[in-house]
Amino acid sequence: MSRRLHIDPIACTGHGLCADLLPEAVELDEWGYPMLRTDAIGPGLLRHARRAVNACPTLALRLSKTTDQPSSAAQVRG
């Protein structure tokens, strides 16, 4: 079972804590909004991903369990 990271672009207001706490998976665009480098969270990053999810002031970041293969990138802004 793997974990996937998701960003709700509607709820996100661009605080950037997720990129500070999880730079391996999240980077900020030119406006300061997060973009996922990868949505796949391996065992080595799970603790850091949980910390980033818990620190999100708008609850826009979440972590889910999945049994399928996670994609290597995810679209976060339309």
N, C-alpha and C. Protein backbone atom coordinates (compact mmCIF):
# COMPACT_ATOMS: atom_id res chain seq x y z
N MET A 1 0.84 -1.17 0.00
CA MET A 1 0.00 0.00 0.00
C MET A 1 0.89 1.25 0.00
N SER A 2 0.56 2.17 -0.85
CA SER A 2 1.34 3.40 -0.94
C SER A 2 0.50 4.58 -0.46
N ARG A 3 1.13 5.71 -0.37
CA ARG A 3 0.45 6.94 0.04
C ARG A 3 0.55 7.95 -1.08
N ARG A 4 -0.49 8.76 -1.22
CA ARG A 4 -0.50 9.82 -2.22
C ARG A 4 -0.81 11.14 -1.54
N LEU A 5 -0.16 12.17 -2.02
CA LEU A 5 -0.35 13.52 -1.52
C LEU A 5 -1.29 14.26 -2.46
N HIS A 6 -2.21 15.02 -1.91
CA HIS A 6 -3.18 15.78 -2.70
C HIS A 6 -3.22 17.22 -2.20
N ILE A 7 -3.38 18.15 -3.11
CA ILE A 7 -3.55 19.56 -2.76
C ILE A 7 -4.91 20.01 -3.31
N ASP A 8 -5.69 20.64 -2.46
CA ASP A 8 -6.95 21.23 -2.88
C ASP A 8 -6.66 22.67 -3.31
N PRO A 9 -6.63 22.95 -4.61
CA PRO A 9 -6.24 24.29 -5.06
C PRO A 9 -7.25 25.37 -4.68
N ILE A 10 -8.49 24.98 -4.41
CA ILE A 10 -9.50 25.95 -3.99
C ILE A 10 -9.26 26.38 -2.55
N ALA A 11 -8.92 25.45 -1.69
CA ALA A 11 -8.70 25.76 -0.28
C ALA A 11 -7.35 26.42 -0.02
N CYS A 12 -6.38 26.16 -0.87
CA CYS A 12 -5.02 26.67 -0.65
C CYS A 12 -4.96 28.18 -0.84
N THR A 13 -4.31 28.86 0.09
CA THR A 13 -4.12 30.31 -0.01
C THR A 13 -2.65 30.68 -0.15
N GLY A 14 -1.79 29.71 -0.35
CA GLY A 14 -0.39 29.97 -0.67
C GLY A 14 0.50 30.34 0.49
N HIS A 15 0.30 29.76 1.66
CA HIS A 15 1.19 30.02 2.79
C HIS A 15 2.59 29.45 2.56
N GLY A 16 2.69 28.33 1.85
CA GLY A 16 3.98 27.75 1.51
C GLY A 16 4.60 26.85 2.55
N LEU A 17 3.91 26.56 3.63
CA LEU A 17 4.47 25.69 4.66
C LEU A 17 4.76 24.29 4.13
N CYS A 18 3.91 23.81 3.25
CA CYS A 18 4.10 22.46 2.70
C CYS A 18 5.43 22.36 1.95
N ALA A 19 5.79 23.38 1.21
CA ALA A 19 7.05 23.36 0.46
C ALA A 19 8.24 23.47 1.41
N ASP A 20 8.08 24.20 2.50
CA ASP A 20 9.16 24.30 3.49
C ASP A 20 9.37 22.98 4.21
N LEU A 21 8.27 22.30 4.53
CA LEU A 21 8.35 21.06 5.30
C LEU A 21 8.56 19.82 4.46
N LEU A 22 8.23 19.88 3.18
CA LEU A 22 8.33 18.71 2.31
C LEU A 22 8.84 19.10 0.92
N PRO A 23 10.05 19.66 0.84
CA PRO A 23 10.56 20.12 -0.45
C PRO A 23 10.82 19.00 -1.45
N GLU A 24 10.91 17.77 -0.97
CA GLU A 24 11.10 16.64 -1.87
C GLU A 24 9.87 16.38 -2.75
N ALA A 25 8.70 16.80 -2.29
CA ALA A 25 7.47 16.52 -3.01
C ALA A 25 6.71 17.77 -3.45
N VAL A 26 7.00 18.92 -2.83
CA VAL A 26 6.23 20.13 -3.11
C VAL A 26 7.17 21.29 -3.43
N GLU A 27 6.84 22.01 -4.48
CA GLU A 27 7.55 23.24 -4.80
C GLU A 27 6.51 24.34 -5.02
N LEU A 28 6.94 25.58 -4.96
CA LEU A 28 6.02 26.70 -5.13
C LEU A 28 6.13 27.27 -6.53
N ASP A 29 5.00 27.67 -7.09
CA ASP A 29 5.03 28.32 -8.40
C ASP A 29 5.39 29.80 -8.22
N GLU A 30 5.38 30.57 -9.29
CA GLU A 30 5.82 31.95 -9.21
C GLU A 30 4.89 32.83 -8.37
N TRP A 31 3.69 32.38 -8.07
CA TRP A 31 2.76 33.12 -7.22
C TRP A 31 2.76 32.62 -5.78
N GLY A 32 3.58 31.62 -5.48
CA GLY A 32 3.68 31.10 -4.13
C GLY A 32 2.71 29.97 -3.81
N TYR A 33 2.08 29.42 -4.83
CA TYR A 33 1.16 28.29 -4.62
C TYR A 33 1.89 26.97 -4.86
N PRO A 34 1.53 25.94 -4.12
CA PRO A 34 2.24 24.66 -4.22
C PRO A 34 1.90 23.90 -5.50
N MET A 35 2.92 23.23 -6.01
CA MET A 35 2.79 22.29 -7.11
C MET A 35 3.49 21.01 -6.66
N LEU A 36 2.88 19.89 -6.93
CA LEU A 36 3.48 18.63 -6.53
C LEU A 36 4.56 18.22 -7.52
N ARG A 37 5.74 17.93 -7.01
CA ARG A 37 6.80 17.33 -7.83
C ARG A 37 6.43 15.88 -8.08
N THR A 38 5.88 15.27 -7.07
CA THR A 38 5.39 13.89 -7.12
C THR A 38 4.28 13.74 -6.11
N ASP A 39 3.32 12.90 -6.39
CA ASP A 39 2.28 12.65 -5.39
C ASP A 39 2.55 11.35 -4.64
N ALA A 40 3.57 10.62 -5.05
CA ALA A 40 3.94 9.36 -4.39
C ALA A 40 4.78 9.66 -3.15
N ILE A 41 4.32 9.18 -2.01
CA ILE A 41 5.04 9.38 -0.76
C ILE A 41 5.52 8.02 -0.27
N GLY A 42 6.82 7.85 -0.28
CA GLY A 42 7.41 6.60 0.17
C GLY A 42 7.56 6.57 1.68
N PRO A 43 7.95 5.43 2.22
CA PRO A 43 8.09 5.28 3.67
C PRO A 43 9.08 6.28 4.29
N GLY A 44 10.11 6.63 3.55
CA GLY A 44 11.10 7.57 4.08
C GLY A 44 10.60 8.99 4.23
N LEU A 45 9.57 9.35 3.48
CA LEU A 45 9.02 10.71 3.54
C LEU A 45 7.70 10.79 4.29
N LEU A 46 7.18 9.67 4.71
CA LEU A 46 5.84 9.63 5.30
C LEU A 46 5.74 10.52 6.54
N ARG A 47 6.72 10.46 7.41
CA ARG A 47 6.69 11.29 8.63
C ARG A 47 6.67 12.78 8.28
N HIS A 48 7.49 13.17 7.31
CA HIS A 48 7.55 14.57 6.88
C HIS A 48 6.27 14.99 6.18
N ALA A 49 5.68 14.09 5.40
CA ALA A 49 4.43 14.39 4.71
C ALA A 49 3.30 14.60 5.72
N ARG A 50 3.25 13.77 6.73
CA ARG A 50 2.23 13.93 7.77
C ARG A 50 2.40 15.25 8.50
N ARG A 51 3.63 15.63 8.76
CA ARG A 51 3.90 16.91 9.41
C ARG A 51 3.43 18.08 8.55
N ALA A 52 3.69 18.01 7.25
CA ALA A 52 3.25 19.07 6.33
C ALA A 52 1.73 19.14 6.27
N VAL A 53 1.07 17.99 6.21
CA VAL A 53 -0.40 17.95 6.18
C VAL A 53 -0.96 18.58 7.45
N ASN A 54 -0.41 18.24 8.59
CA ASN A 54 -0.91 18.77 9.87
C ASN A 54 -0.62 20.26 10.03
N ALA A 55 0.40 20.77 9.36
CA ALA A 55 0.77 22.18 9.49
C ALA A 55 0.00 23.09 8.55
N CYS A 56 -0.69 22.53 7.57
CA CYS A 56 -1.40 23.35 6.58
C CYS A 56 -2.49 24.16 7.26
N PRO A 57 -2.40 25.50 7.23
CA PRO A 57 -3.39 26.32 7.94
C PRO A 57 -4.78 26.30 7.32
N THR A 58 -4.91 25.93 6.06
CA THR A 58 -6.23 25.90 5.41
C THR A 58 -6.73 24.49 5.14
N LEU A 59 -6.00 23.50 5.62
CA LEU A 59 -6.36 22.08 5.43
C LEU A 59 -6.45 21.71 3.95
N ALA A 60 -5.63 22.33 3.13
CA ALA A 60 -5.65 22.09 1.69
C ALA A 60 -4.79 20.89 1.28
N LEU A 61 -3.98 20.42 2.17
CA LEU A 61 -3.08 19.31 1.88
C LEU A 61 -3.58 18.07 2.60
N ARG A 62 -3.62 16.94 1.87
CA ARG A 62 -4.04 15.70 2.51
C ARG A 62 -3.24 14.53 1.97
N LEU A 63 -3.23 13.49 2.76
CA LEU A 63 -2.49 12.28 2.44
C LEU A 63 -3.49 11.14 2.43
N SER A 64 -3.44 10.32 1.39
CA SER A 64 -4.38 9.20 1.31
C SER A 64 -3.63 7.90 1.04
N LYS A 65 -4.27 6.81 1.44
CA LYS A 65 -3.74 5.47 1.17
C LYS A 65 -4.27 5.03 -0.18
N THR A 66 -3.46 4.31 -0.91
CA THR A 66 -3.89 3.78 -2.19
C THR A 66 -3.19 2.46 -2.45
N THR A 67 -3.85 1.59 -3.17
CA THR A 67 -3.24 0.31 -3.52
C THR A 67 -2.76 0.31 -4.96
N ASP A 68 -3.17 1.34 -5.74
CA ASP A 68 -2.72 1.42 -7.12
C ASP A 68 -1.40 2.17 -7.20
N GLN A 69 -0.80 2.17 -8.38
CA GLN A 69 0.45 2.87 -8.59
C GLN A 69 0.20 4.37 -8.66
N PRO A 70 0.86 5.17 -7.79
CA PRO A 70 0.69 6.61 -7.86
C PRO A 70 1.39 7.19 -9.08
N SER A 71 0.86 8.26 -9.60
CA SER A 71 1.51 8.93 -10.74
C SER A 71 2.70 9.73 -10.24
N SER A 72 3.59 10.09 -11.15
CA SER A 72 4.78 10.81 -10.74
C SER A 72 4.55 12.31 -10.65
N ALA A 73 3.46 12.81 -11.16
CA ALA A 73 3.14 14.24 -11.05
C ALA A 73 1.63 14.39 -11.02
N ALA A 74 1.20 15.48 -10.46
CA ALA A 74 -0.22 15.75 -10.38
C ALA A 74 -0.50 17.20 -10.74
N GLN A 75 -1.63 17.42 -11.36
CA GLN A 75 -2.00 18.78 -11.72
C GLN A 75 -2.68 19.40 -10.51
N VAL A 76 -2.23 20.59 -10.10
CA VAL A 76 -2.80 21.23 -8.92
C VAL A 76 -3.52 22.52 -9.25
N ARG A 77 -3.30 23.10 -10.40
CA ARG A 77 -3.99 24.33 -10.77
C ARG A 77 -4.49 24.20 -12.20
N GLY A 78 -5.72 24.55 -12.43
CA GLY A 78 -6.29 24.43 -13.76
C GLY A 78 -6.20 25.68 -14.57
